[in-house]
Amino acid sequence: MKFLTVCAGGNIRSRAAAYRLMYHHDQDALSASADKQPEETFRMLCAWADRIVIMQPQFVARIPAAARIKVVLCDVGEDNYGSPWHFELQEKVKRFLDIWAKNGFAL
C-alpha cells in the first residue's frame, strides 16, 4: 500500500510516520509538507497515495477534495519534538500505526 504522511514542514512528524510505515510495516511511504510543498507536487502525491495520514486535524484543508476520502488522522499534536526520532513522537506514532495495521490499514 502507498502512504502519504503530511505535517506542516514534512520533516519531523510526517517523517516519523513514514519511517515507521516503511521499516516496521513494510509499506511504501513518503512524507510531505502541508505548508511548503508546491501545489502541483502535493496534488500528484495525494493522487499517488492509497492512504493519506495527516498529523493534525487542520491539515485536511490542504488535501484536495477528491483525495479526502483517503485521509486518516494520527493526531500527535503540535511540532514540539525537534526530531522525527523523539521518543514521545515515536511512541505516539507507533501506538497509532500498530492498531491501524491490525485492521489492515482500513479507512
PDB file of N, CA and C in Angstrom:
ATOM      1  N   MET A   1       0.845  -1.171   0.000  1.00  0.00           N
ATOM      2  CA  MET A   1       0.000   0.000   0.000  1.00  0.00           C
ATOM      3  C   MET A   1       0.897   1.242   0.000  1.00  0.00           C
ATOM      4  N   LYS A   2       0.420   2.329  -0.605  1.00  0.00           N
ATOM      5  CA  LYS A   2       1.180   3.571  -0.701  1.00  0.00           C
ATOM      6  C   LYS A   2       0.588   4.605   0.261  1.00  0.00           C
ATOM      7  N   PHE A   3       1.448   5.174   1.095  1.00  0.00           N
ATOM      8  CA  PHE A   3       1.039   6.141   2.110  1.00  0.00           C
ATOM      9  C   PHE A   3       1.721   7.479   1.878  1.00  0.00           C
ATOM     10  N   LEU A   4       0.956   8.557   2.050  1.00  0.00           N
ATOM     11  CA  LEU A   4       1.496   9.902   2.106  1.00  0.00           C
ATOM     12  C   LEU A   4       1.241  10.398   3.516  1.00  0.00           C
ATOM     13  N   THR A   5       2.290  10.818   4.207  1.00  0.00           N
ATOM     14  CA  THR A   5       2.142  11.359   5.553  1.00  0.00           C
ATOM     15  C   THR A   5       2.370  12.863   5.472  1.00  0.00           C
ATOM     16  N   VAL A   6       1.515  13.640   6.162  1.00  0.00           N
ATOM     17  CA  VAL A   6       1.517  15.094   5.986  1.00  0.00           C
ATOM     18  C   VAL A   6       1.572  15.808   7.333  1.00  0.00           C
ATOM     19  N   CYS A   7       2.525  16.728   7.447  1.00  0.00           N
ATOM     20  CA  CYS A   7       2.583  17.654   8.581  1.00  0.00           C
ATOM     21  C   CYS A   7       2.956  19.031   8.025  1.00  0.00           C
ATOM     22  N   ALA A   8       3.222  19.976   8.866  1.00  0.00           N
ATOM     23  CA  ALA A   8       3.487  21.344   8.405  1.00  0.00           C
ATOM     24  C   ALA A   8       4.722  21.431   7.508  1.00  0.00           C
ATOM     25  N   GLY A   9       5.836  20.885   7.968  1.00  0.00           N
ATOM     26  CA  GLY A   9       7.078  21.000   7.214  1.00  0.00           C
ATOM     27  C   GLY A   9       7.486  19.762   6.448  1.00  0.00           C
ATOM     28  N   GLY A  10       6.900  18.622   6.783  1.00  0.00           N
ATOM     29  CA  GLY A  10       7.223  17.376   6.099  1.00  0.00           C
ATOM     30  C   GLY A  10       8.505  16.714   6.556  1.00  0.00           C
ATOM     31  N   ASN A  11       9.067  17.185   7.677  1.00  0.00           N
ATOM     32  CA  ASN A  11      10.368  16.674   8.104  1.00  0.00           C
ATOM     33  C   ASN A  11      10.408  16.013   9.477  1.00  0.00           C
ATOM     34  N   ILE A  12       9.428  16.237  10.315  1.00  0.00           N
ATOM     35  CA  ILE A  12       9.509  15.681  11.663  1.00  0.00           C
ATOM     36  C   ILE A  12       8.353  14.716  11.914  1.00  0.00           C
ATOM     37  N   ARG A  13       7.153  15.221  12.123  1.00  0.00           N
ATOM     38  CA  ARG A  13       6.026  14.347  12.457  1.00  0.00           C
ATOM     39  C   ARG A  13       5.691  13.390  11.318  1.00  0.00           C
ATOM     40  N   SER A  14       5.561  13.927  10.108  1.00  0.00           N
ATOM     41  CA  SER A  14       5.226  13.056   8.975  1.00  0.00           C
ATOM     42  C   SER A  14       6.393  12.131   8.628  1.00  0.00           C
ATOM     43  N   ARG A  15       7.607  12.587   8.842  1.00  0.00           N
ATOM     44  CA  ARG A  15       8.788  11.739   8.590  1.00  0.00           C
ATOM     45  C   ARG A  15       8.802  10.568   9.558  1.00  0.00           C
ATOM     46  N   ALA A  16       8.437  10.822  10.828  1.00  0.00           N
ATOM     47  CA  ALA A  16       8.375   9.741  11.825  1.00  0.00           C
ATOM     48  C   ALA A  16       7.367   8.685  11.398  1.00  0.00           C
ATOM     49  N   ALA A  17       6.209   9.119  10.909  1.00  0.00           N
ATOM     50  CA  ALA A  17       5.173   8.177  10.477  1.00  0.00           C
ATOM     51  C   ALA A  17       5.609   7.416   9.222  1.00  0.00           C
ATOM     52  N   ALA A  18       6.188   8.116   8.259  1.00  0.00           N
ATOM     53  CA  ALA A  18       6.641   7.454   7.031  1.00  0.00           C
ATOM     54  C   ALA A  18       7.718   6.417   7.349  1.00  0.00           C
ATOM     55  N   TYR A  19       8.641   6.762   8.230  1.00  0.00           N
ATOM     56  CA  TYR A  19       9.694   5.817   8.624  1.00  0.00           C
ATOM     57  C   TYR A  19       9.083   4.550   9.218  1.00  0.00           C
ATOM     58  N   ARG A  20       8.160   4.706  10.150  1.00  0.00           N
ATOM     59  CA  ARG A  20       7.529   3.539  10.798  1.00  0.00           C
ATOM     60  C   ARG A  20       6.752   2.702   9.791  1.00  0.00           C
ATOM     61  N   LEU A  21       6.053   3.368   8.885  1.00  0.00           N
ATOM     62  CA  LEU A  21       5.318   2.625   7.863  1.00  0.00           C
ATOM     63  C   LEU A  21       6.263   1.808   6.992  1.00  0.00           C
ATOM     64  N   MET A  22       7.393   2.394   6.616  1.00  0.00           N
ATOM     65  CA  MET A  22       8.335   1.695   5.744  1.00  0.00           C
ATOM     66  C   MET A  22       9.087   0.585   6.468  1.00  0.00           C
ATOM     67  N   TYR A  23       9.633   0.894   7.630  1.00  0.00           N
ATOM     68  CA  TYR A  23      10.569  -0.028   8.273  1.00  0.00           C
ATOM     69  C   TYR A  23       9.959  -0.930   9.329  1.00  0.00           C
ATOM     70  N   HIS A  24       8.734  -0.671   9.743  1.00  0.00           N
ATOM     71  CA  HIS A  24       8.083  -1.531  10.735  1.00  0.00           C
ATOM     72  C   HIS A  24       6.831  -2.213  10.186  1.00  0.00           C
ATOM     73  N   HIS A  25       6.306  -1.671   9.062  1.00  0.00           N
ATOM     74  CA  HIS A  25       5.084  -2.247   8.488  1.00  0.00           C
ATOM     75  C   HIS A  25       5.251  -2.616   7.013  1.00  0.00           C
ATOM     76  N   ASP A  26       6.471  -2.472   6.480  1.00  0.00           N
ATOM     77  CA  ASP A  26       6.785  -2.848   5.095  1.00  0.00           C
ATOM     78  C   ASP A  26       5.862  -2.212   4.061  1.00  0.00           C
ATOM     79  N   GLN A  27       5.575  -0.934   4.219  1.00  0.00           N
ATOM     80  CA  GLN A  27       4.714  -0.201   3.305  1.00  0.00           C
ATOM     81  C   GLN A  27       5.535   0.851   2.548  1.00  0.00           C
ATOM     82  N   ASP A  28       5.025   1.292   1.426  1.00  0.00           N
ATOM     83  CA  ASP A  28       5.626   2.364   0.643  1.00  0.00           C
ATOM     84  C   ASP A  28       5.113   3.681   1.210  1.00  0.00           C
ATOM     85  N   ALA A  29       5.983   4.572   1.646  1.00  0.00           N
ATOM     86  CA  ALA A  29       5.537   5.805   2.299  1.00  0.00           C
ATOM     87  C   ALA A  29       6.452   6.979   1.973  1.00  0.00           C
ATOM     88  N   LEU A  30       5.826   8.133   1.800  1.00  0.00           N
ATOM     89  CA  LEU A  30       6.524   9.396   1.589  1.00  0.00           C
ATOM     90  C   LEU A  30       5.954  10.428   2.549  1.00  0.00           C
ATOM     91  N   SER A  31       6.787  11.352   2.986  1.00  0.00           N
ATOM     92  CA  SER A  31       6.303  12.447   3.827  1.00  0.00           C
ATOM     93  C   SER A  31       6.228  13.716   2.981  1.00  0.00           C
ATOM     94  N   ALA A  32       5.305  14.606   3.356  1.00  0.00           N
ATOM     95  CA  ALA A  32       5.115  15.847   2.604  1.00  0.00           C
ATOM     96  C   ALA A  32       4.752  16.987   3.546  1.00  0.00           C
ATOM     97  N   SER A  33       4.962  18.197   3.046  1.00  0.00           N
ATOM     98  CA  SER A  33       4.663  19.413   3.792  1.00  0.00           C
ATOM     99  C   SER A  33       3.321  19.994   3.380  1.00  0.00           C
ATOM    100  N   ALA A  34       2.462  20.233   4.344  1.00  0.00           N
ATOM    101  CA  ALA A  34       1.184  20.900   4.073  1.00  0.00           C
ATOM    102  C   ALA A  34       1.402  22.376   3.772  1.00  0.00           C
ATOM    103  N   ASP A  35       2.492  22.941   4.257  1.00  0.00           N
ATOM    104  CA  ASP A  35       2.737  24.377   4.111  1.00  0.00           C
ATOM    105  C   ASP A  35       3.697  24.745   2.984  1.00  0.00           C
ATOM    106  N   LYS A  36       4.649  23.867   2.666  1.00  0.00           N
ATOM    107  CA  LYS A  36       5.736  24.256   1.763  1.00  0.00           C
ATOM    108  C   LYS A  36       5.787  23.501   0.443  1.00  0.00           C
ATOM    109  N   GLN A  37       5.032  22.423   0.314  1.00  0.00           N
ATOM    110  CA  GLN A  37       5.043  21.633  -0.913  1.00  0.00           C
ATOM    111  C   GLN A  37       4.365  22.425  -2.033  1.00  0.00           C
ATOM    112  N   PRO A  38       4.969  22.496  -3.219  1.00  0.00           N
ATOM    113  CA  PRO A  38       4.286  23.161  -4.339  1.00  0.00           C
ATOM    114  C   PRO A  38       2.937  22.477  -4.618  1.00  0.00           C
ATOM    115  N   GLU A  39       1.931  23.258  -4.968  1.00  0.00           N
ATOM    116  CA  GLU A  39       0.564  22.758  -5.165  1.00  0.00           C
ATOM    117  C   GLU A  39       0.508  21.578  -6.135  1.00  0.00           C
ATOM    118  N   GLU A  40       1.157  21.702  -7.274  1.00  0.00           N
ATOM    119  CA  GLU A  40       1.125  20.639  -8.282  1.00  0.00           C
ATOM    120  C   GLU A  40       1.746  19.347  -7.739  1.00  0.00           C
ATOM    121  N   THR A  41       2.852  19.468  -7.052  1.00  0.00           N
ATOM    122  CA  THR A  41       3.511  18.299  -6.479  1.00  0.00           C
ATOM    123  C   THR A  41       2.633  17.667  -5.403  1.00  0.00           C
ATOM    124  N   PHE A  42       2.043  18.493  -4.561  1.00  0.00           N
ATOM    125  CA  PHE A  42       1.203  17.984  -3.470  1.00  0.00           C
ATOM    126  C   PHE A  42      -0.010  17.234  -4.033  1.00  0.00           C
ATOM    127  N   ARG A  43      -0.622  17.774  -5.067  1.00  0.00           N
ATOM    128  CA  ARG A  43      -1.770  17.110  -5.702  1.00  0.00           C
ATOM    129  C   ARG A  43      -1.365  15.762  -6.293  1.00  0.00           C
ATOM    130  N   MET A  44      -0.210  15.730  -6.926  1.00  0.00           N
ATOM    131  CA  MET A  44       0.290  14.492  -7.505  1.00  0.00           C
ATOM    132  C   MET A  44       0.533  13.450  -6.415  1.00  0.00           C
ATOM    133  N   LEU A  45       1.117  13.853  -5.305  1.00  0.00           N
ATOM    134  CA  LEU A  45       1.370  12.928  -4.203  1.00  0.00           C
ATOM    135  C   LEU A  45       0.063  12.406  -3.606  1.00  0.00           C
ATOM    136  N   CYS A  46      -0.923  13.280  -3.462  1.00  0.00           N
ATOM    137  CA  CYS A  46      -2.229  12.861  -2.931  1.00  0.00           C
ATOM    138  C   CYS A  46      -2.906  11.870  -3.868  1.00  0.00           C
ATOM    139  N   ALA A  47      -2.773  12.076  -5.168  1.00  0.00           N
ATOM    140  CA  ALA A  47      -3.349  11.147  -6.145  1.00  0.00           C
ATOM    141  C   ALA A  47      -2.624   9.805  -6.109  1.00  0.00           C
ATOM    142  N   TRP A  48      -1.319   9.825  -5.917  1.00  0.00           N
ATOM    143  CA  TRP A  48      -0.497   8.616  -5.868  1.00  0.00           C
ATOM    144  C   TRP A  48      -0.852   7.736  -4.673  1.00  0.00           C
ATOM    145  N   ALA A  49      -1.125   8.335  -3.545  1.00  0.00           N
ATOM    146  CA  ALA A  49      -1.293   7.599  -2.285  1.00  0.00           C
ATOM    147  C   ALA A  49      -2.616   6.839  -2.215  1.00  0.00           C
ATOM    148  N   ASP A  50      -2.537   5.655  -1.579  1.00  0.00           N
ATOM    149  CA  ASP A  50      -3.747   4.903  -1.236  1.00  0.00           C
ATOM    150  C   ASP A  50      -4.348   5.420   0.070  1.00  0.00           C
ATOM    151  N   ARG A  51      -3.473   5.864   0.973  1.00  0.00           N
ATOM    152  CA  ARG A  51      -3.872   6.416   2.270  1.00  0.00           C
ATOM    153  C   ARG A  51      -3.067   7.679   2.511  1.00  0.00           C
ATOM    154  N   ILE A  52      -3.715   8.691   3.090  1.00  0.00           N
ATOM    155  CA  ILE A  52      -3.048   9.946   3.444  1.00  0.00           C
ATOM    156  C   ILE A  52      -3.189  10.113   4.946  1.00  0.00           C
ATOM    157  N   VAL A  53      -2.066  10.150   5.630  1.00  0.00           N
ATOM    158  CA  VAL A  53      -2.047  10.270   7.087  1.00  0.00           C
ATOM    159  C   VAL A  53      -1.689  11.710   7.436  1.00  0.00           C
ATOM    160  N   ILE A  54      -2.638  12.420   8.047  1.00  0.00           N
ATOM    161  CA  ILE A  54      -2.362  13.790   8.483  1.00  0.00           C
ATOM    162  C   ILE A  54      -2.040  13.758   9.975  1.00  0.00           C
ATOM    163  N   MET A  55      -1.109  14.606  10.381  1.00  0.00           N
ATOM    164  CA  MET A  55      -0.590  14.565  11.745  1.00  0.00           C
ATOM    165  C   MET A  55      -1.288  15.543  12.688  1.00  0.00           C
ATOM    166  N   GLN A  56      -2.183  16.380  12.154  1.00  0.00           N
ATOM    167  CA  GLN A  56      -3.053  17.262  12.933  1.00  0.00           C
ATOM    168  C   GLN A  56      -4.294  17.515  12.100  1.00  0.00           C
ATOM    169  N   PRO A  57      -5.446  17.742  12.750  1.00  0.00           N
ATOM    170  CA  PRO A  57      -6.707  17.889  12.008  1.00  0.00           C
ATOM    171  C   PRO A  57      -6.706  19.004  10.957  1.00  0.00           C
ATOM    172  N   GLN A  58      -6.031  20.112  11.219  1.00  0.00           N
ATOM    173  CA  GLN A  58      -6.104  21.243  10.297  1.00  0.00           C
ATOM    174  C   GLN A  58      -5.477  20.957   8.936  1.00  0.00           C
ATOM    175  N   PHE A  59      -4.661  19.918   8.821  1.00  0.00           N
ATOM    176  CA  PHE A  59      -4.023  19.617   7.545  1.00  0.00           C
ATOM    177  C   PHE A  59      -4.997  19.067   6.512  1.00  0.00           C
ATOM    178  N   VAL A  60      -6.169  18.640   6.934  1.00  0.00           N
ATOM    179  CA  VAL A  60      -7.154  18.130   5.979  1.00  0.00           C
ATOM    180  C   VAL A  60      -7.565  19.213   4.981  1.00  0.00           C
ATOM    181  N   ALA A  61      -7.520  20.460   5.377  1.00  0.00           N
ATOM    182  CA  ALA A  61      -7.898  21.557   4.485  1.00  0.00           C
ATOM    183  C   ALA A  61      -6.965  21.651   3.276  1.00  0.00           C
ATOM    184  N   ARG A  62      -5.751  21.172   3.406  1.00  0.00           N
ATOM    185  CA  ARG A  62      -4.761  21.217   2.313  1.00  0.00           C
ATOM    186  C   ARG A  62      -4.945  20.063   1.325  1.00  0.00           C
ATOM    187  N   ILE A  63      -5.648  19.010   1.742  1.00  0.00           N
ATOM    188  CA  ILE A  63      -5.835  17.840   0.889  1.00  0.00           C
ATOM    189  C   ILE A  63      -6.889  18.157  -0.166  1.00  0.00           C
ATOM    190  N   PRO A  64      -6.610  17.860  -1.454  1.00  0.00           N
ATOM    191  CA  PRO A  64      -7.628  18.091  -2.487  1.00  0.00           C
ATOM    192  C   PRO A  64      -8.922  17.346  -2.149  1.00  0.00           C
ATOM    193  N   ALA A  65     -10.054  17.956  -2.444  1.00  0.00           N
ATOM    194  CA  ALA A  65     -11.361  17.388  -2.073  1.00  0.00           C
ATOM    195  C   ALA A  65     -11.525  15.945  -2.531  1.00  0.00           C
ATOM    196  N   ALA A  66     -11.089  15.631  -3.727  1.00  0.00           N
ATOM    197  CA  ALA A  66     -11.250  14.271  -4.260  1.00  0.00           C
ATOM    198  C   ALA A  66     -10.421  13.239  -3.497  1.00  0.00           C
ATOM    199  N   ALA A  67      -9.371  13.669  -2.822  1.00  0.00           N
ATOM    200  CA  ALA A  67      -8.491  12.742  -2.095  1.00  0.00           C
ATOM    201  C   ALA A  67      -8.836  12.629  -0.612  1.00  0.00           C
ATOM    202  N   ARG A  68      -9.761  13.437  -0.130  1.00  0.00           N
ATOM    203  CA  ARG A  68     -10.076  13.436   1.305  1.00  0.00           C
ATOM    204  C   ARG A  68     -10.659  12.118   1.789  1.00  0.00           C
ATOM    205  N   ILE A  69     -11.193  11.318   0.893  1.00  0.00           N
ATOM    206  CA  ILE A  69     -11.714  10.005   1.260  1.00  0.00           C
ATOM    207  C   ILE A  69     -10.590   9.077   1.747  1.00  0.00           C
ATOM    208  N   LYS A  70      -9.357   9.401   1.406  1.00  0.00           N
ATOM    209  CA  LYS A  70      -8.190   8.591   1.778  1.00  0.00           C
ATOM    210  C   LYS A  70      -7.569   9.022   3.108  1.00  0.00           C
ATOM    211  N   VAL A  71      -8.051  10.085   3.717  1.00  0.00           N
ATOM    212  CA  VAL A  71      -7.406  10.701   4.879  1.00  0.00           C
ATOM    213  C   VAL A  71      -7.712   9.964   6.180  1.00  0.00           C
ATOM    214  N   VAL A  72      -6.646   9.788   6.954  1.00  0.00           N
ATOM    215  CA  VAL A  72      -6.728   9.237   8.307  1.00  0.00           C
ATOM    216  C   VAL A  72      -5.923  10.176   9.212  1.00  0.00           C
ATOM    217  N   LEU A  73      -6.434  10.434  10.400  1.00  0.00           N
ATOM    218  CA  LEU A  73      -5.773  11.335  11.344  1.00  0.00           C
ATOM    219  C   LEU A  73      -4.962  10.555  12.370  1.00  0.00           C
ATOM    220  N   CYS A  74      -3.681  10.874  12.447  1.00  0.00           N
ATOM    221  CA  CYS A  74      -2.793  10.390  13.513  1.00  0.00           C
ATOM    222  C   CYS A  74      -2.384  11.650  14.274  1.00  0.00           C
ATOM    223  N   ASP A  75      -3.226  12.099  15.183  1.00  0.00           N
ATOM    224  CA  ASP A  75      -3.029  13.392  15.845  1.00  0.00           C
ATOM    225  C   ASP A  75      -1.949  13.295  16.919  1.00  0.00           C
ATOM    226  N   VAL A  76      -0.762  13.765  16.577  1.00  0.00           N
ATOM    227  CA  VAL A  76       0.354  13.766  17.524  1.00  0.00           C
ATOM    228  C   VAL A  76       0.575  15.149  18.129  1.00  0.00           C
ATOM    229  N   GLY A  77      -0.300  16.103  17.783  1.00  0.00           N
ATOM    230  CA  GLY A  77      -0.201  17.444  18.345  1.00  0.00           C
ATOM    231  C   GLY A  77       0.793  18.325  17.612  1.00  0.00           C
ATOM    232  N   GLU A  78       1.018  19.493  18.208  1.00  0.00           N
ATOM    233  CA  GLU A  78       1.950  20.476  17.648  1.00  0.00           C
ATOM    234  C   GLU A  78       3.355  19.899  17.554  1.00  0.00           C
ATOM    235  N   ASP A  79       4.145  20.468  16.646  1.00  0.00           N
ATOM    236  CA  ASP A  79       5.527  20.017  16.488  1.00  0.00           C
ATOM    237  C   ASP A  79       6.406  20.655  17.555  1.00  0.00           C
ATOM    238  N   ASN A  80       6.495  19.961  18.677  1.00  0.00           N
ATOM    239  CA  ASN A  80       7.385  20.371  19.761  1.00  0.00           C
ATOM    240  C   ASN A  80       8.491  19.339  19.953  1.00  0.00           C
ATOM    241  N   TYR A  81       8.711  18.507  18.954  1.00  0.00           N
ATOM    242  CA  TYR A  81       9.600  17.361  19.100  1.00  0.00           C
ATOM    243  C   TYR A  81      11.034  17.650  18.670  1.00  0.00           C
ATOM    244  N   GLY A  82      11.216  18.432  17.604  1.00  0.00           N
ATOM    245  CA  GLY A  82      12.558  18.791  17.161  1.00  0.00           C
ATOM    246  C   GLY A  82      13.253  17.745  16.310  1.00  0.00           C
ATOM    247  N   SER A  83      12.747  16.521  16.321  1.00  0.00           N
ATOM    248  CA  SER A  83      13.369  15.432  15.568  1.00  0.00           C
ATOM    249  C   SER A  83      12.342  14.334  15.324  1.00  0.00           C
ATOM    250  N   PRO A  84      12.409  13.672  14.166  1.00  0.00           N
ATOM    251  CA  PRO A  84      11.494  12.554  13.943  1.00  0.00           C
ATOM    252  C   PRO A  84      11.789  11.373  14.863  1.00  0.00           C
ATOM    253  N   TRP A  85      12.933  11.377  15.504  1.00  0.00           N
ATOM    254  CA  TRP A  85      13.334  10.261  16.375  1.00  0.00           C
ATOM    255  C   TRP A  85      13.018  10.519  17.848  1.00  0.00           C
ATOM    256  N   HIS A  86      12.370  11.635  18.140  1.00  0.00           N
ATOM    257  CA  HIS A  86      11.993  11.958  19.517  1.00  0.00           C
ATOM    258  C   HIS A  86      11.175  10.808  20.099  1.00  0.00           C
ATOM    259  N   PHE A  87      11.521  10.369  21.301  1.00  0.00           N
ATOM    260  CA  PHE A  87      10.895   9.193  21.918  1.00  0.00           C
ATOM    261  C   PHE A  87       9.376   9.315  22.010  1.00  0.00           C
ATOM    262  N   GLU A  88       8.874  10.445  22.495  1.00  0.00           N
ATOM    263  CA  GLU A  88       7.429  10.619  22.668  1.00  0.00           C
ATOM    264  C   GLU A  88       6.700  10.577  21.323  1.00  0.00           C
ATOM    265  N   LEU A  89       7.259  11.240  20.310  1.00  0.00           N
ATOM    266  CA  LEU A  89       6.665  11.219  18.973  1.00  0.00           C
ATOM    267  C   LEU A  89       6.657   9.794  18.420  1.00  0.00           C
ATOM    268  N   GLN A  90       7.771   9.106  18.526  1.00  0.00           N
ATOM    269  CA  GLN A  90       7.839   7.730  18.026  1.00  0.00           C
ATOM    270  C   GLN A  90       6.821   6.824  18.723  1.00  0.00           C
ATOM    271  N   GLU A  91       6.647   7.010  20.016  1.00  0.00           N
ATOM    272  CA  GLU A  91       5.677   6.188  20.760  1.00  0.00           C
ATOM    273  C   GLU A  91       4.238   6.472  20.319  1.00  0.00           C
ATOM    274  N   LYS A  92       3.901   7.733  20.110  1.00  0.00           N
ATOM    275  CA  LYS A  92       2.553   8.082  19.659  1.00  0.00           C
ATOM    276  C   LYS A  92       2.278   7.500  18.277  1.00  0.00           C
ATOM    277  N   VAL A  93       3.230   7.655  17.374  1.00  0.00           N
ATOM    278  CA  VAL A  93       3.071   7.136  16.016  1.00  0.00           C
ATOM    279  C   VAL A  93       2.999   5.605  16.039  1.00  0.00           C
ATOM    280  N   LYS A  94       3.846   4.991  16.832  1.00  0.00           N
ATOM    281  CA  LYS A  94       3.864   3.525  16.939  1.00  0.00           C
ATOM    282  C   LYS A  94       2.517   2.996  17.414  1.00  0.00           C
ATOM    283  N   ARG A  95       1.979   3.575  18.486  1.00  0.00           N
ATOM    284  CA  ARG A  95       0.678   3.124  19.007  1.00  0.00           C
ATOM    285  C   ARG A  95      -0.403   3.210  17.940  1.00  0.00           C
ATOM    286  N   PHE A  96      -0.472   4.351  17.270  1.00  0.00           N
ATOM    287  CA  PHE A  96      -1.489   4.542  16.238  1.00  0.00           C
ATOM    288  C   PHE A  96      -1.322   3.543  15.098  1.00  0.00           C
ATOM    289  N   LEU A  97      -0.115   3.445  14.548  1.00  0.00           N
ATOM    290  CA  LEU A  97       0.103   2.591  13.381  1.00  0.00           C
ATOM    291  C   LEU A  97      -0.041   1.115  13.701  1.00  0.00           C
ATOM    292  N   ASP A  98       0.380   0.691  14.876  1.00  0.00           N
ATOM    293  CA  ASP A  98       0.244  -0.721  15.242  1.00  0.00           C
ATOM    294  C   ASP A  98      -1.222  -1.141  15.294  1.00  0.00           C
ATOM    295  N   ILE A  99      -2.065  -0.293  15.862  1.00  0.00           N
ATOM    296  CA  ILE A  99      -3.504  -0.596  15.922  1.00  0.00           C
ATOM    297  C   ILE A  99      -4.106  -0.569  14.524  1.00  0.00           C
ATOM    298  N   TRP A 100      -3.777   0.444  13.749  1.00  0.00           N
ATOM    299  CA  TRP A 100      -4.319   0.580  12.404  1.00  0.00           C
ATOM    300  C   TRP A 100      -3.883  -0.589  11.517  1.00  0.00           C
ATOM    301  N   ALA A 101      -2.625  -1.009  11.661  1.00  0.00           N
ATOM    302  CA  ALA A 101      -2.119  -2.137  10.863  1.00  0.00           C
ATOM    303  C   ALA A 101      -2.886  -3.416  11.157  1.00  0.00           C
ATOM    304  N   LYS A 102      -3.266  -3.622  12.418  1.00  0.00           N
ATOM    305  CA  LYS A 102      -4.045  -4.822  12.772  1.00  0.00           C
ATOM    306  C   LYS A 102      -5.384  -4.844  12.051  1.00  0.00           C
ATOM    307  N   ASN A 103      -5.882  -3.671  11.660  1.00  0.00           N
ATOM    308  CA  ASN A 103      -7.136  -3.560  10.912  1.00  0.00           C
ATOM    309  C   ASN A 103      -6.885  -3.469   9.409  1.00  0.00           C
ATOM    310  N   GLY A 104      -5.670  -3.818   8.984  1.00  0.00           N
ATOM    311  CA  GLY A 104      -5.355  -3.817   7.568  1.00  0.00           C
ATOM    312  C   GLY A 104      -5.294  -2.443   6.935  1.00  0.00           C
ATOM    313  N   PHE A 105      -5.032  -1.446   7.756  1.00  0.00           N
ATOM    314  CA  PHE A 105      -4.986  -0.045   7.301  1.00  0.00           C
ATOM    315  C   PHE A 105      -6.293   0.360   6.621  1.00  0.00           C
ATOM    316  N   ALA A 106      -7.391  -0.171   7.145  1.00  0.00           N
ATOM    317  CA  ALA A 106      -8.725   0.148   6.595  1.00  0.00           C
ATOM    318  C   ALA A 106      -9.100   1.581   6.891  1.00  0.00           C
ATOM    319  N   LEU A 107      -9.876   2.141   5.995  1.00  0.00           N
ATOM    320  CA  LEU A 107     -10.370   3.513   6.204  1.00  0.00           C
ATOM    321  C   LEU A 107     -11.583   3.510   7.080  1.00  0.00           C
TER     322      LEU A 107
END
